[in-house]
Amino acid sequence: MLKNLFKKKKVAKDFPIKKTDKEWKEKLSDLEYSVTRQKSTEPPFSGDYVNLNDKGIYNCRCCEAPLFDYSAKFNSHTGWPSFNTPIIEGAVASEDDYSLIAKRTEVLCANCGAHLGHVFSDGPKSTGLRYCINSVSLLFKKQD
């Protein structure tokens, strides 16, 4: 069910934005690099956007591509910002993740391949999806 909601899986060379590890390290903090480029996870309830409810757009921390609108955000009580749908179809890509015992679906920026988080099928009734996203993977741009 989840597969049909994303762009097809991409390999790094397929993402429009291409940078070397050195270039990413120069642009990002150590934590931002660890999460977005090495697929780490920030500790729950530690991110700047967990409880943010302002109007605006959540963009990719790495390339600033728009990913999620504030209106899609909801409180999942999981410790990470959660959204029920990307801002536009194709804003995110997906990849199977077998790093834990159970298979999960990783969410990536479709523009630069940044690791954002994971998507689960236990979200609100409107879509049934919960995009569980690391705050450090996002850059919020407030709207007036």
Protein backbone atom coordinates (compact mmCIF):
# COMPACT_ATOMS: atom_id res chain seq x y z
CA MET A 1 0.00 0.00 0.00
CA LEU A 2 2.73 2.52 0.92
CA LYS A 3 4.78 1.91 -2.24
CA ASN A 4 2.24 3.56 -4.52
CA LEU A 5 2.41 6.86 -2.64
CA PHE A 6 6.01 7.73 -3.46
CA LYS A 7 8.27 8.28 -6.41
CA LYS A 8 10.01 5.10 -7.43
CA LYS A 9 13.08 4.21 -5.40
CA LYS A 10 16.08 6.24 -6.53
CA VAL A 11 19.74 5.55 -6.23
CA ALA A 12 22.04 8.40 -5.24
CA LYS A 13 23.09 9.18 -8.79
CA ASP A 14 19.42 9.73 -9.75
CA PHE A 15 18.77 12.60 -7.35
CA PRO A 16 18.91 16.03 -9.07
CA ILE A 17 21.10 17.56 -6.32
CA LYS A 18 24.48 15.86 -6.10
CA LYS A 19 27.20 16.82 -3.62
CA THR A 20 30.22 15.06 -2.22
CA ASP A 21 30.42 14.05 1.43
CA LYS A 22 32.91 16.86 1.91
CA GLU A 23 30.44 19.40 0.49
CA TRP A 24 27.63 18.11 2.74
CA LYS A 25 29.90 18.20 5.80
CA GLU A 26 30.77 21.84 5.05
CA LYS A 27 27.09 22.79 4.75
CA LEU A 28 25.61 20.81 7.66
CA SER A 29 26.21 20.56 11.41
CA ASP A 30 27.49 17.24 12.74
CA LEU A 31 23.98 16.18 13.81
CA GLU A 32 22.39 17.33 10.53
CA TYR A 33 24.99 15.38 8.57
CA SER A 34 24.61 12.29 10.73
CA VAL A 35 20.83 12.20 10.31
CA THR A 36 20.40 13.35 6.71
CA ARG A 37 23.42 11.75 5.07
CA GLN A 38 24.15 8.76 7.35
CA LYS A 39 20.55 7.84 8.23
CA SER A 40 20.77 8.41 11.99
CA THR A 41 17.83 9.49 14.14
CA GLU A 42 17.64 12.39 16.55
CA PRO A 43 16.49 11.55 20.08
CA PRO A 44 12.69 11.70 20.54
CA PHE A 45 11.24 14.99 21.83
CA SER A 46 14.57 16.76 21.18
CA GLY A 47 13.81 18.45 17.85
CA ASP A 48 12.86 22.08 17.33
CA TYR A 49 9.70 21.24 15.36
CA VAL A 50 8.06 18.57 17.52
CA ASN A 51 5.64 21.06 19.11
CA LEU A 52 5.73 23.83 16.51
CA ASN A 53 2.27 24.78 15.24
CA ASP A 54 3.08 27.92 13.22
CA LYS A 55 1.90 28.40 9.64
CA GLY A 56 4.61 27.67 7.12
CA ILE A 57 6.42 25.16 4.97
CA TYR A 58 8.81 22.46 6.13
CA ASN A 59 11.67 22.25 3.66
CA CYS A 60 14.58 19.86 3.28
CA ARG A 61 17.48 20.92 5.52
CA CYS A 62 19.99 19.94 2.83
CA CYS A 63 18.55 21.44 -0.37
CA GLU A 64 15.58 23.53 0.87
CA ALA A 65 13.07 21.73 -1.38
CA PRO A 66 9.51 22.07 0.02
CA LEU A 67 8.41 18.81 1.66
CA PHE A 68 5.45 19.33 4.02
CA ASP A 69 2.87 22.05 4.66
CA TYR A 70 1.98 23.00 8.23
CA SER A 71 -1.64 21.95 7.57
CA ALA A 72 -0.52 18.32 7.18
CA LYS A 73 1.20 18.28 10.59
CA PHE A 74 -0.39 16.53 13.55
CA ASN A 75 0.65 15.47 17.05
CA SER A 76 1.40 11.76 16.98
CA HIS A 77 2.84 11.78 20.51
CA THR A 78 5.89 9.89 19.18
CA GLY A 79 8.53 12.57 19.79
CA TRP A 80 9.07 13.55 16.16
CA PRO A 81 7.14 15.89 13.88
CA SER A 82 4.46 13.93 12.05
CA PHE A 83 2.65 14.71 8.81
CA ASN A 84 -0.14 12.92 6.96
CA THR A 85 0.95 13.82 3.43
CA PRO A 86 3.80 15.53 1.55
CA ILE A 87 3.26 19.04 0.19
CA ILE A 88 3.04 17.72 -3.38
CA GLU A 89 3.12 14.30 -4.96
CA GLY A 90 6.73 13.33 -5.61
CA ALA A 91 8.27 15.62 -2.97
CA VAL A 92 9.57 12.55 -1.17
CA ALA A 93 10.95 9.23 -2.31
CA SER A 94 10.98 5.96 -0.40
CA GLU A 95 13.25 3.03 0.19
CA ASP A 96 12.85 -0.24 2.08
CA ASP A 97 14.72 -0.12 5.37
CA TYR A 98 15.84 -3.35 7.00
CA SER A 99 18.09 -1.74 9.66
CA LEU A 100 15.84 -3.00 12.48
CA ILE A 101 14.19 -6.37 12.93
CA ALA A 102 11.00 -5.31 11.11
CA LYS A 103 10.95 -3.86 7.60
CA ARG A 104 10.18 -0.15 7.54
CA THR A 105 9.74 2.41 4.77
CA GLU A 106 12.37 5.13 4.81
CA VAL A 107 11.42 8.61 3.56
CA LEU A 108 13.98 10.57 1.51
CA CYS A 109 13.99 14.01 -0.06
CA ALA A 110 13.29 13.34 -3.74
CA ASN A 111 15.54 16.27 -4.67
CA CYS A 112 18.78 15.42 -2.83
CA GLY A 113 18.25 12.01 -1.22
CA ALA A 114 18.45 13.28 2.37
CA HIS A 115 17.19 10.84 4.98
CA LEU A 116 14.10 12.41 6.55
CA GLY A 117 12.59 9.63 8.64
CA HIS A 118 10.05 6.86 8.05
CA VAL A 119 6.41 6.51 7.07
CA PHE A 120 3.91 4.25 8.82
CA SER A 121 0.33 3.26 8.07
CA ASP A 122 -1.08 4.31 11.45
CA GLY A 123 -1.82 7.95 10.67
CA PRO A 124 -5.05 9.99 10.66
CA LYS A 125 -8.05 8.71 8.74
CA SER A 126 -7.59 11.35 6.01
CA THR A 127 -4.63 9.43 4.52
CA GLY A 128 -3.88 6.70 7.03
CA LEU A 129 -0.22 7.71 6.89
CA ARG A 130 2.19 9.03 9.51
CA TYR A 131 5.36 10.55 8.10
CA CYS A 132 7.58 10.48 11.19
CA ILE A 133 10.30 13.02 10.34
CA ASN A 134 13.44 14.14 12.15
CA SER A 135 13.29 17.87 12.99
CA VAL A 136 16.97 18.18 12.11
CA SER A 137 16.15 17.03 8.55
CA LEU A 138 13.81 19.98 8.13
CA LEU A 139 14.10 23.73 7.72
CA PHE A 140 10.91 25.61 8.62
CA LYS A 141 9.96 28.74 6.70
CA LYS A 142 7.23 30.67 8.46
CA GLN A 143 4.32 32.18 6.53
CA ASP A 144 2.61 35.40 7.60
